[in-house]
Amino acid sequence: MSVFHRLILRFMSAQTRARAEAESRAWIATCPSCGHERSVWEMGGLRYGASGAPRWRLTCPACGAVGWHSVEKRG
């Protein structure tokens, strides 16, 4: 768990922490170049109680390309 996760989750109850992790794992960022997918949680982020369909400028760990990854909630 990243320092960010530990800091933010410290102030949440155990039930809220579990829901925040599960929801963050449901948000998936997809590389526009190669299609590689990873969850917001795996990237060290937290997306709890969020909505919409943002696009984040990220470097893909699979192909190394920098691009606007689409982020969507699945499941």
C-alpha atoms as a PDB file:
ATOM      1  CA  MET A   1       0.000   0.000   0.000  1.00  0.00           C
ATOM      2  CA  SER A   2       1.344   3.425  -0.936  1.00  0.00           C
ATOM      3  CA  VAL A   3       1.969   6.241   1.545  1.00  0.00           C
ATOM      4  CA  PHE A   4      -1.007   8.078   0.027  1.00  0.00           C
ATOM      5  CA  HIS A   5      -3.290   5.106   0.688  1.00  0.00           C
ATOM      6  CA  ARG A   6      -2.102   4.726   4.271  1.00  0.00           C
ATOM      7  CA  LEU A   7      -2.522   8.442   4.992  1.00  0.00           C
ATOM      8  CA  ILE A   8      -6.026   8.794   3.570  1.00  0.00           C
ATOM      9  CA  LEU A   9      -7.364   5.440   4.759  1.00  0.00           C
ATOM     10  CA  ARG A  10      -6.143   6.047   8.314  1.00  0.00           C
ATOM     11  CA  PHE A  11      -9.091   8.364   8.907  1.00  0.00           C
ATOM     12  CA  MET A  12     -11.737   5.919   7.633  1.00  0.00           C
ATOM     13  CA  SER A  13     -13.531   3.119   9.430  1.00  0.00           C
ATOM     14  CA  ALA A  14     -12.702  -0.473   8.456  1.00  0.00           C
ATOM     15  CA  GLN A  15     -15.933  -0.799   6.459  1.00  0.00           C
ATOM     16  CA  THR A  16     -15.345   2.463   4.591  1.00  0.00           C
ATOM     17  CA  ARG A  17     -11.736   1.454   3.858  1.00  0.00           C
ATOM     18  CA  ALA A  18     -12.922  -1.825   2.342  1.00  0.00           C
ATOM     19  CA  ARG A  19     -15.521  -0.048   0.189  1.00  0.00           C
ATOM     20  CA  ALA A  20     -12.974   2.581  -0.939  1.00  0.00           C
ATOM     21  CA  GLU A  21     -10.471  -0.092  -1.981  1.00  0.00           C
ATOM     22  CA  ALA A  22     -13.103  -2.150  -3.807  1.00  0.00           C
ATOM     23  CA  GLU A  23     -14.405   0.899  -5.671  1.00  0.00           C
ATOM     24  CA  SER A  24     -10.885   2.077  -6.572  1.00  0.00           C
ATOM     25  CA  ARG A  25     -10.121  -1.373  -7.988  1.00  0.00           C
ATOM     26  CA  ALA A  26     -13.282  -1.124 -10.137  1.00  0.00           C
ATOM     27  CA  TRP A  27     -11.982   2.047 -11.872  1.00  0.00           C
ATOM     28  CA  ILE A  28      -9.799   0.934 -14.805  1.00  0.00           C
ATOM     29  CA  ALA A  29      -7.383   3.096 -16.835  1.00  0.00           C
ATOM     30  CA  THR A  30      -6.817   1.893 -20.413  1.00  0.00           C
ATOM     31  CA  CYS A  31      -3.796   2.800 -22.559  1.00  0.00           C
ATOM     32  CA  PRO A  32      -4.833   4.260 -25.927  1.00  0.00           C
ATOM     33  CA  SER A  33      -1.736   2.809 -27.653  1.00  0.00           C
ATOM     34  CA  CYS A  34      -1.654  -0.829 -26.577  1.00  0.00           C
ATOM     35  CA  GLY A  35      -4.869  -1.367 -24.613  1.00  0.00           C
ATOM     36  CA  HIS A  36      -3.076  -2.271 -21.359  1.00  0.00           C
ATOM     37  CA  GLU A  37      -5.430  -1.953 -18.378  1.00  0.00           C
ATOM     38  CA  ARG A  38      -4.753  -1.321 -14.708  1.00  0.00           C
ATOM     39  CA  SER A  39      -6.876  -0.231 -11.793  1.00  0.00           C
ATOM     40  CA  VAL A  40      -6.644   3.138 -10.102  1.00  0.00           C
ATOM     41  CA  TRP A  41      -5.769   1.290  -6.876  1.00  0.00           C
ATOM     42  CA  GLU A  42      -2.814  -0.467  -8.570  1.00  0.00           C
ATOM     43  CA  MET A  43      -1.530   2.934  -9.722  1.00  0.00           C
ATOM     44  CA  GLY A  44      -1.533   4.179  -6.128  1.00  0.00           C
ATOM     45  CA  GLY A  45      -4.705   6.206  -6.486  1.00  0.00           C
ATOM     46  CA  LEU A  46      -7.999   6.353  -4.691  1.00  0.00           C
ATOM     47  CA  ARG A  47     -11.299   6.936  -6.490  1.00  0.00           C
ATOM     48  CA  TYR A  48     -14.158   6.576  -4.003  1.00  0.00           C
ATOM     49  CA  GLY A  49     -17.596   8.102  -4.475  1.00  0.00           C
ATOM     50  CA  ALA A  50     -16.576   9.393  -7.897  1.00  0.00           C
ATOM     51  CA  SER A  51     -18.463   9.543 -11.150  1.00  0.00           C
ATOM     52  CA  GLY A  52     -17.890  10.517 -14.751  1.00  0.00           C
ATOM     53  CA  ALA A  53     -15.443   9.283 -17.354  1.00  0.00           C
ATOM     54  CA  PRO A  54     -12.178  11.185 -16.895  1.00  0.00           C
ATOM     55  CA  ARG A  55      -9.063  10.944 -19.032  1.00  0.00           C
ATOM     56  CA  TRP A  56      -5.660  11.043 -17.364  1.00  0.00           C
ATOM     57  CA  ARG A  57      -2.325  11.702 -19.030  1.00  0.00           C
ATOM     58  CA  LEU A  58      -0.183   8.751 -17.951  1.00  0.00           C
ATOM     59  CA  THR A  59       2.801   6.705 -19.031  1.00  0.00           C
ATOM     60  CA  CYS A  60       1.875   3.139 -19.851  1.00  0.00           C
ATOM     61  CA  PRO A  61       3.985   0.558 -17.974  1.00  0.00           C
ATOM     62  CA  ALA A  62       3.509  -1.969 -20.795  1.00  0.00           C
ATOM     63  CA  CYS A  63       4.473   0.014 -23.909  1.00  0.00           C
ATOM     64  CA  GLY A  64       6.046   3.158 -22.417  1.00  0.00           C
ATOM     65  CA  ALA A  65       3.832   5.505 -24.446  1.00  0.00           C
ATOM     66  CA  VAL A  66       2.551   8.692 -22.848  1.00  0.00           C
ATOM     67  CA  GLY A  67      -1.067   9.386 -23.658  1.00  0.00           C
ATOM     68  CA  TRP A  68      -4.543  10.206 -22.440  1.00  0.00           C
ATOM     69  CA  HIS A  69      -5.775   7.034 -20.733  1.00  0.00           C
ATOM     70  CA  SER A  70      -9.538   6.686 -20.456  1.00  0.00           C
ATOM     71  CA  VAL A  71     -10.705   5.837 -16.947  1.00  0.00           C
ATOM     72  CA  GLU A  72     -13.993   4.021 -16.485  1.00  0.00           C
ATOM     73  CA  LYS A  73     -15.785   2.183 -13.727  1.00  0.00           C
ATOM     74  CA  ARG A  74     -16.458  -1.481 -14.417  1.00  0.00           C
ATOM     75  CA  GLY A  75     -18.510  -4.031 -12.575  1.00  0.00           C
END
